[in-house]
PDB file of N, CA and C in Angstrom:
ATOM      1  N   MET A   1      63.676 188.582  15.363  1.00  0.00           N
ATOM      2  CA  MET A   1      63.460 187.149  15.198  1.00  0.00           C
ATOM      3  C   MET A   1      64.737 186.494  14.696  1.00  0.00           C
ATOM      4  N   ARG A   2      65.055 185.365  15.285  1.00  0.00           N
ATOM      5  CA  ARG A   2      66.179 184.580  14.770  1.00  0.00           C
ATOM      6  C   ARG A   2      65.693 183.722  13.620  1.00  0.00           C
ATOM      7  N   GLN A   3      66.590 183.450  12.704  1.00  0.00           N
ATOM      8  CA  GLN A   3      66.246 182.675  11.518  1.00  0.00           C
ATOM      9  C   GLN A   3      67.060 181.394  11.466  1.00  0.00           C
ATOM     10  N   PHE A   4      66.393 180.320  11.048  1.00  0.00           N
ATOM     11  CA  PHE A   4      67.007 179.003  10.936  1.00  0.00           C
ATOM     12  C   PHE A   4      66.689 178.467   9.543  1.00  0.00           C
ATOM     13  N   GLN A   5      67.730 178.144   8.777  1.00  0.00           N
ATOM     14  CA  GLN A   5      67.578 177.724   7.380  1.00  0.00           C
ATOM     15  C   GLN A   5      67.548 176.200   7.263  1.00  0.00           C
ATOM     16  N   HIS A   6      66.693 175.734   6.379  1.00  0.00           N
ATOM     17  CA  HIS A   6      66.594 174.297   6.096  1.00  0.00           C
ATOM     18  C   HIS A   6      66.323 174.102   4.606  1.00  0.00           C
ATOM     19  N   THR A   7      66.654 172.925   4.122  1.00  0.00           N
ATOM     20  CA  THR A   7      66.326 172.536   2.756  1.00  0.00           C
ATOM     21  C   THR A   7      65.492 171.263   2.823  1.00  0.00           C
ATOM     22  N   VAL A   8      64.412 171.232   2.060  1.00  0.00           N
ATOM     23  CA  VAL A   8      63.581 170.029   2.006  1.00  0.00           C
ATOM     24  C   VAL A   8      64.337 168.987   1.186  1.00  0.00           C
ATOM     25  N   THR A   9      64.624 167.858   1.820  1.00  0.00           N
ATOM     26  CA  THR A   9      65.290 166.738   1.151  1.00  0.00           C
ATOM     27  C   THR A   9      64.332 165.552   1.132  1.00  0.00           C
ATOM     28  N   ALA A  10      64.673 164.559   0.337  1.00  0.00           N
ATOM     29  CA  ALA A  10      63.794 163.401   0.180  1.00  0.00           C
ATOM     30  C   ALA A  10      63.506 162.700   1.507  1.00  0.00           C
ATOM     31  N   ASP A  11      64.448 162.742   2.451  1.00  0.00           N
ATOM     32  CA  ASP A  11      64.265 162.017   3.712  1.00  0.00           C
ATOM     33  C   ASP A  11      63.372 162.748   4.715  1.00  0.00           C
ATOM     34  N   VAL A  12      62.940 163.983   4.422  1.00  0.00           N
ATOM     35  CA  VAL A  12      62.052 164.709   5.342  1.00  0.00           C
ATOM     36  C   VAL A  12      60.675 164.956   4.736  1.00  0.00           C
ATOM     37  N   THR A  13      60.360 164.222   3.677  1.00  0.00           N
ATOM     38  CA  THR A  13      59.048 164.372   3.047  1.00  0.00           C
ATOM     39  C   THR A  13      57.997 163.531   3.769  1.00  0.00           C
ATOM     40  N   ALA A  14      56.749 163.866   3.500  1.00  0.00           N
ATOM     41  CA  ALA A  14      55.645 163.102   4.088  1.00  0.00           C
ATOM     42  C   ALA A  14      55.737 161.630   3.691  1.00  0.00           C
ATOM     43  N   ALA A  15      56.104 161.379   2.423  1.00  0.00           N
ATOM     44  CA  ALA A  15      56.221 159.994   1.957  1.00  0.00           C
ATOM     45  C   ALA A  15      57.315 159.248   2.716  1.00  0.00           C
ATOM     46  N   ALA A  16      58.425 159.913   2.992  1.00  0.00           N
ATOM     47  CA  ALA A  16      59.548 159.250   3.664  1.00  0.00           C
ATOM     48  C   ALA A  16      59.294 159.015   5.150  1.00  0.00           C
ATOM     49  N   VAL A  17      58.652 159.962   5.828  1.00  0.00           N
ATOM     50  CA  VAL A  17      58.465 159.805   7.277  1.00  0.00           C
ATOM     51  C   VAL A  17      57.165 159.085   7.621  1.00  0.00           C
ATOM     52  N   GLY A  18      56.321 158.850   6.631  1.00  0.00           N
ATOM     53  CA  GLY A  18      55.114 158.081   6.866  1.00  0.00           C
ATOM     54  C   GLY A  18      53.893 158.887   7.268  1.00  0.00           C
ATOM     55  N   SER A  19      53.961 160.211   7.121  1.00  0.00           N
ATOM     56  CA  SER A  19      52.805 161.026   7.504  1.00  0.00           C
ATOM     57  C   SER A  19      51.918 161.358   6.314  1.00  0.00           C
ATOM     58  N   GLY A  20      52.261 160.823   5.163  1.00  0.00           N
ATOM     59  CA  GLY A  20      51.492 161.038   3.940  1.00  0.00           C
ATOM     60  C   GLY A  20      52.158 160.286   2.811  1.00  0.00           C
ATOM     61  N   ASP A  21      51.688 160.534   1.584  1.00  0.00           N
ATOM     62  CA  ASP A  21      52.287 159.815   0.462  1.00  0.00           C
ATOM     63  C   ASP A  21      52.813 160.740  -0.633  1.00  0.00           C
ATOM     64  N   LEU A  22      52.963 162.021  -0.310  1.00  0.00           N
ATOM     65  CA  LEU A  22      53.491 162.979  -1.278  1.00  0.00           C
ATOM     66  C   LEU A  22      54.923 163.372  -0.923  1.00  0.00           C
ATOM     67  N   ASP A  23      55.681 163.747  -1.943  1.00  0.00           N
ATOM     68  CA  ASP A  23      57.062 164.179  -1.751  1.00  0.00           C
ATOM     69  C   ASP A  23      57.113 165.680  -1.476  1.00  0.00           C
ATOM     70  N   VAL A  24      56.526 166.069  -0.330  1.00  0.00           N
ATOM     71  CA  VAL A  24      56.538 167.451   0.153  1.00  0.00           C
ATOM     72  C   VAL A  24      56.987 167.433   1.610  1.00  0.00           C
ATOM     73  N   LEU A  25      57.404 168.594   2.105  1.00  0.00           N
ATOM     74  CA  LEU A  25      57.834 168.694   3.494  1.00  0.00           C
ATOM     75  C   LEU A  25      56.777 168.117   4.428  1.00  0.00           C
ATOM     76  N   ALA A  26      57.188 167.165   5.239  1.00  0.00           N
ATOM     77  CA  ALA A  26      56.274 166.523   6.191  1.00  0.00           C
ATOM     78  C   ALA A  26      55.980 167.475   7.352  1.00  0.00           C
ATOM     79  N   THR A  27      54.734 167.507   7.767  1.00  0.00           N
ATOM     80  CA  THR A  27      54.367 168.331   8.919  1.00  0.00           C
ATOM     81  C   THR A  27      55.168 167.938  10.165  1.00  0.00           C
ATOM     82  N   PRO A  28      55.388 166.643  10.449  1.00  0.00           N
ATOM     83  CA  PRO A  28      56.219 166.315  11.621  1.00  0.00           C
ATOM     84  C   PRO A  28      57.632 166.903  11.541  1.00  0.00           C
ATOM     85  N   THR A  29      58.193 166.974  10.339  1.00  0.00           N
ATOM     86  CA  THR A  29      59.512 167.579  10.170  1.00  0.00           C
ATOM     87  C   THR A  29      59.441 169.078  10.427  1.00  0.00           C
ATOM     88  N   LEU A  30      58.411 169.718   9.899  1.00  0.00           N
ATOM     89  CA  LEU A  30      58.214 171.149  10.119  1.00  0.00           C
ATOM     90  C   LEU A  30      58.095 171.456  11.613  1.00  0.00           C
ATOM     91  N   VAL A  31      57.331 170.642  12.325  1.00  0.00           N
ATOM     92  CA  VAL A  31      57.177 170.812  13.768  1.00  0.00           C
ATOM     93  C   VAL A  31      58.529 170.662  14.466  1.00  0.00           C
ATOM     94  N   LEU A  32      59.305 169.660  14.076  1.00  0.00           N
ATOM     95  CA  LEU A  32      60.641 169.459  14.646  1.00  0.00           C
ATOM     96  C   LEU A  32      61.506 170.692  14.424  1.00  0.00           C
ATOM     97  N   TRP A  33      61.523 171.215  13.205  1.00  0.00           N
ATOM     98  CA  TRP A  33      62.339 172.392  12.915  1.00  0.00           C
ATOM     99  C   TRP A  33      61.925 173.574  13.791  1.00  0.00           C
ATOM    100  N   CYS A  34      60.625 173.740  14.007  1.00  0.00           N
ATOM    101  CA  CYS A  34      60.139 174.840  14.852  1.00  0.00           C
ATOM    102  C   CYS A  34      60.544 174.629  16.306  1.00  0.00           C
ATOM    103  N   GLU A  35      60.456 173.399  16.787  1.00  0.00           N
ATOM    104  CA  GLU A  35      60.825 173.134  18.174  1.00  0.00           C
ATOM    105  C   GLU A  35      62.325 173.305  18.404  1.00  0.00           C
ATOM    106  N   VAL A  36      63.131 172.873  17.465  1.00  0.00           N
ATOM    107  CA  VAL A  36      64.577 173.053  17.590  1.00  0.00           C
ATOM    108  C   VAL A  36      64.913 174.547  17.619  1.00  0.00           C
ATOM    109  N   ALA A  37      64.269 175.328  16.772  1.00  0.00           N
ATOM    110  CA  ALA A  37      64.500 176.775  16.766  1.00  0.00           C
ATOM    111  C   ALA A  37      64.128 177.376  18.115  1.00  0.00           C
ATOM    112  N   ALA A  38      62.972 177.012  18.647  1.00  0.00           N
ATOM    113  CA  ALA A  38      62.529 177.544  19.941  1.00  0.00           C
ATOM    114  C   ALA A  38      63.476 177.126  21.063  1.00  0.00           C
ATOM    115  N   PHE A  39      63.937 175.874  21.041  1.00  0.00           N
ATOM    116  CA  PHE A  39      64.893 175.410  22.052  1.00  0.00           C
ATOM    117  C   PHE A  39      66.144 176.273  22.038  1.00  0.00           C
ATOM    118  N   GLN A  40      66.678 176.514  20.851  1.00  0.00           N
ATOM    119  CA  GLN A  40      67.904 177.299  20.735  1.00  0.00           C
ATOM    120  C   GLN A  40      67.689 178.750  21.165  1.00  0.00           C
ATOM    121  N   VAL A  41      66.564 179.339  20.801  1.00  0.00           N
ATOM    122  CA  VAL A  41      66.276 180.720  21.187  1.00  0.00           C
ATOM    123  C   VAL A  41      66.060 180.812  22.694  1.00  0.00           C
ATOM    124  N   CYS A  42      65.319 179.870  23.266  1.00  0.00           N
ATOM    125  CA  CYS A  42      65.046 179.893  24.702  1.00  0.00           C
ATOM    126  C   CYS A  42      66.309 179.670  25.537  1.00  0.00           C
ATOM    127  N   ALA A  43      67.244 178.896  25.018  1.00  0.00           N
ATOM    128  CA  ALA A  43      68.472 178.598  25.759  1.00  0.00           C
ATOM    129  C   ALA A  43      69.231 179.870  26.112  1.00  0.00           C
ATOM    130  N   GLN A  44      69.079 180.901  25.311  1.00  0.00           N
ATOM    131  CA  GLN A  44      69.770 182.165  25.562  1.00  0.00           C
ATOM    132  C   GLN A  44      69.072 183.008  26.630  1.00  0.00           C
ATOM    133  N   SER A  45      67.865 182.591  27.036  1.00  0.00           N
ATOM    134  CA  SER A  45      67.059 183.387  27.965  1.00  0.00           C
ATOM    135  C   SER A  45      66.985 182.810  29.364  1.00  0.00           C
ATOM    136  N   ILE A  46      67.712 181.718  29.613  1.00  0.00           N
ATOM    137  CA  ILE A  46      67.593 181.056  30.913  1.00  0.00           C
ATOM    138  C   ILE A  46      68.964 180.935  31.577  1.00  0.00           C
ATOM    139  N   ASP A  47      68.929 180.627  32.866  1.00  0.00           N
ATOM    140  CA  ASP A  47      70.174 180.396  33.600  1.00  0.00           C
ATOM    141  C   ASP A  47      70.893 179.180  33.015  1.00  0.00           C
ATOM    142  N   PRO A  48      72.232 179.193  33.012  1.00  0.00           N
ATOM    143  CA  PRO A  48      72.976 178.078  32.406  1.00  0.00           C
ATOM    144  C   PRO A  48      72.798 176.741  33.129  1.00  0.00           C
ATOM    145  N   ASP A  49      72.308 176.753  34.361  1.00  0.00           N
ATOM    146  CA  ASP A  49      72.104 175.488  35.074  1.00  0.00           C
ATOM    147  C   ASP A  49      70.698 174.929  34.872  1.00  0.00           C
ATOM    148  N   HIS A  50      69.925 175.516  33.968  1.00  0.00           N
ATOM    149  CA  HIS A  50      68.590 175.032  33.631  1.00  0.00           C
ATOM    150  C   HIS A  50      68.525 174.695  32.150  1.00  0.00           C
ATOM    151  N   THR A  51      67.458 174.061  31.754  1.00  0.00           N
ATOM    152  CA  THR A  51      67.177 173.782  30.350  1.00  0.00           C
ATOM    153  C   THR A  51      65.689 173.975  30.138  1.00  0.00           C
ATOM    154  N   THR A  52      65.235 173.752  28.914  1.00  0.00           N
ATOM    155  CA  THR A  52      63.805 173.815  28.649  1.00  0.00           C
ATOM    156  C   THR A  52      63.342 172.510  28.035  1.00  0.00           C
ATOM    157  N   VAL A  53      62.078 172.207  28.256  1.00  0.00           N
ATOM    158  CA  VAL A  53      61.442 171.031  27.655  1.00  0.00           C
ATOM    159  C   VAL A  53      60.176 171.495  26.954  1.00  0.00           C
ATOM    160  N   GLY A  54      59.873 170.863  25.847  1.00  0.00           N
ATOM    161  CA  GLY A  54      58.675 171.218  25.098  1.00  0.00           C
ATOM    162  C   GLY A  54      57.423 170.776  25.830  1.00  0.00           C
ATOM    163  N   THR A  55      56.405 171.626  25.789  1.00  0.00           N
ATOM    164  CA  THR A  55      55.138 171.294  26.437  1.00  0.00           C
ATOM    165  C   THR A  55      53.945 171.366  25.485  1.00  0.00           C
ATOM    166  N   THR A  56      53.955 172.340  24.586  1.00  0.00           N
ATOM    167  CA  THR A  56      52.830 172.518  23.661  1.00  0.00           C
ATOM    168  C   THR A  56      53.353 173.070  22.344  1.00  0.00           C
ATOM    169  N   ILE A  57      52.824 172.548  21.256  1.00  0.00           N
ATOM    170  CA  ILE A  57      53.136 173.085  19.937  1.00  0.00           C
ATOM    171  C   ILE A  57      51.823 173.236  19.185  1.00  0.00           C
ATOM    172  N   THR A  58      51.616 174.432  18.643  1.00  0.00           N
ATOM    173  CA  THR A  58      50.449 174.690  17.803  1.00  0.00           C
ATOM    174  C   THR A  58      50.967 175.250  16.488  1.00  0.00           C
ATOM    175  N   ILE A  59      50.759 174.514  15.421  1.00  0.00           N
ATOM    176  CA  ILE A  59      51.272 174.907  14.105  1.00  0.00           C
ATOM    177  C   ILE A  59      50.159 174.785  13.070  1.00  0.00           C
ATOM    178  N   ASP A  60      50.003 175.827  12.256  1.00  0.00           N
ATOM    179  CA  ASP A  60      49.141 175.771  11.078  1.00  0.00           C
ATOM    180  C   ASP A  60      50.055 175.654   9.870  1.00  0.00           C
ATOM    181  N   HIS A  61      50.041 174.491   9.228  1.00  0.00           N
ATOM    182  CA  HIS A  61      50.873 174.224   8.046  1.00  0.00           C
ATOM    183  C   HIS A  61      49.978 174.447   6.841  1.00  0.00           C
ATOM    184  N   VAL A  62      50.177 175.574   6.128  1.00  0.00           N
ATOM    185  CA  VAL A  62      49.195 176.025   5.144  1.00  0.00           C
ATOM    186  C   VAL A  62      49.626 175.890   3.685  1.00  0.00           C
ATOM    187  N   LYS A  63      50.886 175.515   3.447  1.00  0.00           N
ATOM    188  CA  LYS A  63      51.351 175.405   2.062  1.00  0.00           C
ATOM    189  C   LYS A  63      52.392 174.311   1.957  1.00  0.00           C
ATOM    190  N   GLY A  64      52.303 173.523   0.902  1.00  0.00           N
ATOM    191  CA  GLY A  64      53.265 172.459   0.663  1.00  0.00           C
ATOM    192  C   GLY A  64      54.583 172.993   0.134  1.00  0.00           C
ATOM    193  N   SER A  65      55.654 172.217   0.380  1.00  0.00           N
ATOM    194  CA  SER A  65      56.996 172.590  -0.082  1.00  0.00           C
ATOM    195  C   SER A  65      57.666 171.363  -0.674  1.00  0.00           C
ATOM    196  N   PRO A  66      58.033 171.416  -1.954  1.00  0.00           N
ATOM    197  CA  PRO A  66      58.620 170.243  -2.615  1.00  0.00           C
ATOM    198  C   PRO A  66      60.077 170.033  -2.231  1.00  0.00           C
ATOM    199  N   VAL A  67      60.595 168.873  -2.585  1.00  0.00           N
ATOM    200  CA  VAL A  67      62.016 168.575  -2.398  1.00  0.00           C
ATOM    201  C   VAL A  67      62.831 169.667  -3.096  1.00  0.00           C
ATOM    202  N   GLY A  68      63.835 170.155  -2.408  1.00  0.00           N
ATOM    203  CA  GLY A  68      64.685 171.216  -2.928  1.00  0.00           C
ATOM    204  C   GLY A  68      64.312 172.599  -2.433  1.00  0.00           C
ATOM    205  N   ALA A  69      63.124 172.740  -1.858  1.00  0.00           N
ATOM    206  CA  ALA A  69      62.694 174.055  -1.369  1.00  0.00           C
ATOM    207  C   ALA A  69      63.563 174.507  -0.204  1.00  0.00           C
ATOM    208  N   GLU A  70      63.883 175.792  -0.204  1.00  0.00           N
ATOM    209  CA  GLU A  70      64.628 176.403   0.887  1.00  0.00           C
ATOM    210  C   GLU A  70      63.608 176.987   1.861  1.00  0.00           C
ATOM    211  N   ILE A  71      63.721 176.595   3.122  1.00  0.00           N
ATOM    212  CA  ILE A  71      62.741 176.965   4.139  1.00  0.00           C
ATOM    213  C   ILE A  71      63.454 177.721   5.259  1.00  0.00           C
ATOM    214  N   THR A  72      62.815 178.782   5.749  1.00  0.00           N
ATOM    215  CA  THR A  72      63.361 179.542   6.865  1.00  0.00           C
ATOM    216  C   THR A  72      62.346 179.573   8.005  1.00  0.00           C
ATOM    217  N   VAL A  73      62.796 179.134   9.167  1.00  0.00           N
ATOM    218  CA  VAL A  73      61.982 179.240  10.381  1.00  0.00           C
ATOM    219  C   VAL A  73      62.390 180.533  11.076  1.00  0.00           C
ATOM    220  N   HIS A  74      61.439 181.425  11.268  1.00  0.00           N
ATOM    221  CA  HIS A  74      61.645 182.678  11.987  1.00  0.00           C
ATOM    222  C   HIS A  74      61.080 182.476  13.389  1.00  0.00           C
ATOM    223  N   CYS A  75      61.925 182.595  14.393  1.00  0.00           N
ATOM    224  CA  CYS A  75      61.506 182.342  15.777  1.00  0.00           C
ATOM    225  C   CYS A  75      61.737 183.590  16.613  1.00  0.00           C
ATOM    226  N   ALA A  76      60.651 184.099  17.203  1.00  0.00           N
ATOM    227  CA  ALA A  76      60.731 185.299  18.037  1.00  0.00           C
ATOM    228  C   ALA A  76      61.322 184.962  19.399  1.00  0.00           C
ATOM    229  N   GLU A  77      61.870 185.983  20.052  1.00  0.00           N
ATOM    230  CA  GLU A  77      62.337 185.815  21.422  1.00  0.00           C
ATOM    231  C   GLU A  77      61.166 185.369  22.284  1.00  0.00           C
ATOM    232  N   PRO A  78      61.420 184.530  23.277  1.00  0.00           N
ATOM    233  CA  PRO A  78      60.309 183.975  24.065  1.00  0.00           C
ATOM    234  C   PRO A  78      59.622 185.020  24.935  1.00  0.00           C
ATOM    235  N   ILE A  79      58.332 184.796  25.093  1.00  0.00           N
ATOM    236  CA  ILE A  79      57.519 185.559  26.037  1.00  0.00           C
ATOM    237  C   ILE A  79      57.377 184.687  27.265  1.00  0.00           C
ATOM    238  N   ASN A  80      57.670 185.234  28.438  1.00  0.00           N
ATOM    239  CA  ASN A  80      57.558 184.476  29.690  1.00  0.00           C
ATOM    240  C   ASN A  80      56.178 184.748  30.267  1.00  0.00           C
ATOM    241  N   ASP A  81      55.322 183.709  30.289  1.00  0.00           N
ATOM    242  CA  ASP A  81      53.975 183.897  30.836  1.00  0.00           C
ATOM    243  C   ASP A  81      53.885 183.493  32.308  1.00  0.00           C
ATOM    244  N   GLY A  82      55.032 183.276  32.913  1.00  0.00           N
ATOM    245  CA  GLY A  82      55.067 182.913  34.325  1.00  0.00           C
ATOM    246  C   GLY A  82      55.208 181.424  34.563  1.00  0.00           C
ATOM    247  N   ARG A  83      54.729 180.613  33.644  1.00  0.00           N
ATOM    248  CA  ARG A  83      54.835 179.158  33.775  1.00  0.00           C
ATOM    249  C   ARG A  83      55.706 178.540  32.699  1.00  0.00           C
ATOM    250  N   ARG A  84      55.824 179.243  31.600  1.00  0.00           N
ATOM    251  CA  ARG A  84      56.571 178.683  30.472  1.00  0.00           C
ATOM    252  C   ARG A  84      57.031 179.817  29.567  1.00  0.00           C
ATOM    253  N   LEU A  85      57.912 179.468  28.643  1.00  0.00           N
ATOM    254  CA  LEU A  85      58.358 180.398  27.613  1.00  0.00           C
ATOM    255  C   LEU A  85      57.578 180.089  26.344  1.00  0.00           C
ATOM    256  N   VAL A  86      57.071 181.116  25.705  1.00  0.00           N
ATOM    257  CA  VAL A  86      56.269 180.954  24.494  1.00  0.00           C
ATOM    258  C   VAL A  86      56.978 181.650  23.341  1.00  0.00           C
ATOM    259  N   CYS A  87      57.295 180.879  22.305  1.00  0.00           N
ATOM    260  CA  CYS A  87      57.929 181.427  21.101  1.00  0.00           C
ATOM    261  C   CYS A  87      56.935 181.392  19.951  1.00  0.00           C
ATOM    262  N   HIS A  88      56.803 182.517  19.283  1.00  0.00           N
ATOM    263  CA  HIS A  88      55.993 182.572  18.069  1.00  0.00           C
ATOM    264  C   HIS A  88      56.912 182.262  16.893  1.00  0.00           C
ATOM    265  N   VAL A  89      56.442 181.402  16.010  1.00  0.00           N
ATOM    266  CA  VAL A  89      57.226 181.018  14.838  1.00  0.00           C
ATOM    267  C   VAL A  89      56.443 181.311  13.564  1.00  0.00           C
ATOM    268  N   ILE A  90      57.181 181.731  12.549  1.00  0.00           N
ATOM    269  CA  ILE A  90      56.643 181.899  11.206  1.00  0.00           C
ATOM    270  C   ILE A  90      57.613 181.185  10.279  1.00  0.00           C
ATOM    271  N   VAL A  91      57.085 180.384   9.374  1.00  0.00           N
ATOM    272  CA  VAL A  91      57.927 179.613   8.468  1.00  0.00           C
ATOM    273  C   VAL A  91      57.624 180.068   7.042  1.00  0.00           C
ATOM    274  N   LYS A  92      58.697 180.401   6.311  1.00  0.00           N
ATOM    275  CA  LYS A  92      58.533 180.907   4.944  1.00  0.00           C
ATOM    276  C   LYS A  92      59.416 180.143   3.976  1.00  0.00           C
ATOM    277  N   ASP A  93      58.988 180.144   2.710  1.00  0.00           N
ATOM    278  CA  ASP A  93      59.823 179.554   1.664  1.00  0.00           C
ATOM    279  C   ASP A  93      60.707 180.638   1.055  1.00  0.00           C
ATOM    280  N   ALA A  94      61.498 180.278   0.067  1.00  0.00           N
ATOM    281  CA  ALA A  94      62.465 181.208  -0.528  1.00  0.00           C
ATOM    282  C   ALA A  94      61.793 182.390  -1.223  1.00  0.00           C
ATOM    283  N   ASP A  95      60.536 182.220  -1.632  1.00  0.00           N
ATOM    284  CA  ASP A  95      59.793 183.317  -2.264  1.00  0.00           C
ATOM    285  C   ASP A  95      59.195 184.269  -1.232  1.00  0.00           C
ATOM    286  N   GLY A  96      59.356 183.925   0.059  1.00  0.00           N
ATOM    287  CA  GLY A  96      58.772 184.747   1.116  1.00  0.00           C
ATOM    288  C   GLY A  96      57.345 184.388   1.442  1.00  0.00           C
ATOM    289  N   ASP A  97      56.830 183.334   0.792  1.00  0.00           N
ATOM    290  CA  ASP A  97      55.467 182.889   1.090  1.00  0.00           C
ATOM    291  C   ASP A  97      55.441 182.167   2.426  1.00  0.00           C
ATOM    292  N   GLN A  98      54.451 182.463   3.222  1.00  0.00           N
ATOM    293  CA  GLN A  98      54.306 181.798   4.513  1.00  0.00           C
ATOM    294  C   GLN A  98      53.786 180.385   4.298  1.00  0.00           C
ATOM    295  N   ILE A  99      54.508 179.413   4.839  1.00  0.00           N
ATOM    296  CA  ILE A  99      54.042 178.030   4.728  1.00  0.00           C
ATOM    297  C   ILE A  99      53.475 177.530   6.050  1.00  0.00           C
ATOM    298  N   ALA A 100      53.823 178.224   7.148  1.00  0.00           N
ATOM    299  CA  ALA A 100      53.303 177.810   8.456  1.00  0.00           C
ATOM    300  C   ALA A 100      53.503 178.942   9.462  1.00  0.00           C
ATOM    301  N   LYS A 101      52.709 178.857  10.541  1.00  0.00           N
ATOM    302  CA  LYS A 101      52.890 179.768  11.666  1.00  0.00           C
ATOM    303  C   LYS A 101      52.353 179.083  12.903  1.00  0.00           C
ATOM    304  N   GLY A 102      52.810 179.535  14.071  1.00  0.00           N
ATOM    305  CA  GLY A 102      52.304 178.941  15.299  1.00  0.00           C
ATOM    306  C   GLY A 102      53.080 179.369  16.515  1.00  0.00           C
ATOM    307  N   GLU A 103      52.930 178.572  17.564  1.00  0.00           N
ATOM    308  CA  GLU A 103      53.580 178.822  18.842  1.00  0.00           C
ATOM    309  C   GLU A 103      54.244 177.549  19.333  1.00  0.00           C
ATOM    310  N   VAL A 104      55.387 177.727  19.992  1.00  0.00           N
ATOM    311  CA  VAL A 104      56.066 176.627  20.663  1.00  0.00           C
ATOM    312  C   VAL A 104      56.224 177.038  22.121  1.00  0.00           C
ATOM    313  N   HIS A 105      55.697 176.218  23.033  1.00  0.00           N
ATOM    314  CA  HIS A 105      55.779 176.487  24.472  1.00  0.00           C
ATOM    315  C   HIS A 105      56.814 175.563  25.090  1.00  0.00           C
ATOM    316  N   ARG A 106      57.661 176.138  25.954  1.00  0.00           N
ATOM    317  CA  ARG A 106      58.705 175.355  26.612  1.00  0.00           C
ATOM    318  C   ARG A 106      58.737 175.719  28.087  1.00  0.00           C
ATOM    319  N   ALA A 107      58.846 174.716  28.929  1.00  0.00           N
ATOM    320  CA  ALA A 107      58.960 174.919  30.370  1.00  0.00           C
ATOM    321  C   ALA A 107      60.430 174.946  30.761  1.00  0.00           C
ATOM    322  N   VAL A 108      60.774 175.841  31.680  1.00  0.00           N
ATOM    323  CA  VAL A 108      62.138 175.911  32.206  1.00  0.00           C
ATOM    324  C   VAL A 108      62.240 174.926  33.366  1.00  0.00           C
ATOM    325  N   VAL A 109      63.239 174.044  33.307  1.00  0.00           N
ATOM    326  CA  VAL A 109      63.378 173.006  34.337  1.00  0.00           C
ATOM    327  C   VAL A 109      64.833 172.883  34.792  1.00  0.00           C
ATOM    328  N   ASP A 110      64.975 172.347  35.991  1.00  0.00           N
ATOM    329  CA  ASP A 110      66.276 171.909  36.484  1.00  0.00           C
ATOM    330  C   ASP A 110      66.487 170.505  35.917  1.00  0.00           C
ATOM    331  N   PRO A 111      67.544 170.270  35.144  1.00  0.00           N
ATOM    332  CA  PRO A 111      67.708 168.968  34.483  1.00  0.00           C
ATOM    333  C   PRO A 111      67.717 167.777  35.440  1.00  0.00           C
ATOM    334  N   ASP A 112      68.440 167.882  36.555  1.00  0.00           N
ATOM    335  CA  ASP A 112      68.513 166.756  37.493  1.00  0.00           C
ATOM    336  C   ASP A 112      67.159 166.459  38.110  1.00  0.00           C
ATOM    337  N   ARG A 113      66.486 167.489  38.544  1.00  0.00           N
ATOM    338  CA  ARG A 113      65.163 167.307  39.159  1.00  0.00           C
ATOM    339  C   ARG A 113      64.179 166.711  38.149  1.00  0.00           C
ATOM    340  N   PHE A 114      64.211 167.232  36.914  1.00  0.00           N
ATOM    341  CA  PHE A 114      63.323 166.737  35.879  1.00  0.00           C
ATOM    342  C   PHE A 114      63.581 165.257  35.599  1.00  0.00           C
ATOM    343  N   MET A 115      64.853 164.912  35.426  1.00  0.00           N
ATOM    344  CA  MET A 115      65.184 163.519  35.109  1.00  0.00           C
ATOM    345  C   MET A 115      64.854 162.580  36.268  1.00  0.00           C
ATOM    346  N   SER A 116      64.952 163.045  37.508  1.00  0.00           N
ATOM    347  CA  SER A 116      64.635 162.182  38.653  1.00  0.00           C
ATOM    348  C   SER A 116      63.160 161.803  38.670  1.00  0.00           C
ATOM    349  N   LYS A 117      62.327 162.614  38.044  1.00  0.00           N
ATOM    350  CA  LYS A 117      60.888 162.327  37.994  1.00  0.00           C
ATOM    351  C   LYS A 117      60.496 161.454  36.796  1.00  0.00           C
ATOM    352  N   CYS A 118      61.466 161.183  35.937  1.00  0.00           N
ATOM    353  CA  CYS A 118      61.183 160.388  34.738  1.00  0.00           C
ATOM    354  C   CYS A 118      61.331 158.890  34.969  1.00  0.00           C
ATOM    355  N   HIS A 119      61.834 158.501  36.105  1.00  0.00           N
ATOM    356  CA  HIS A 119      62.091 157.067  36.345  1.00  0.00           C
ATOM    357  C   HIS A 119      60.904 156.388  36.951  1.00  0.00           C
TER     358      HIS A 119
END
């Protein structure tokens, strides 16, 4: 599993991003960190003329993390199910306690073809 380090700062709390009113790591921020990790891991598994786009994210956020907490996203190498790449993620704090786990699904696409369908 690849590891991605983050620190909870005031600007990524639930109170700051509007997803709650407590000064703890916001779930939307946690989801972003997991998706960025999966994007980076998947990029190593595809042809250089392709990219990936997010399609599904399932995350169980089970423990709060205050400002200053050191967070590590552990992202497994993707599993290719034939239609998409699936990365399993586990998120832990500095004490090794699991704060979240889930899956990030990404589709492999040709960038030009994908963008031509967005207009």
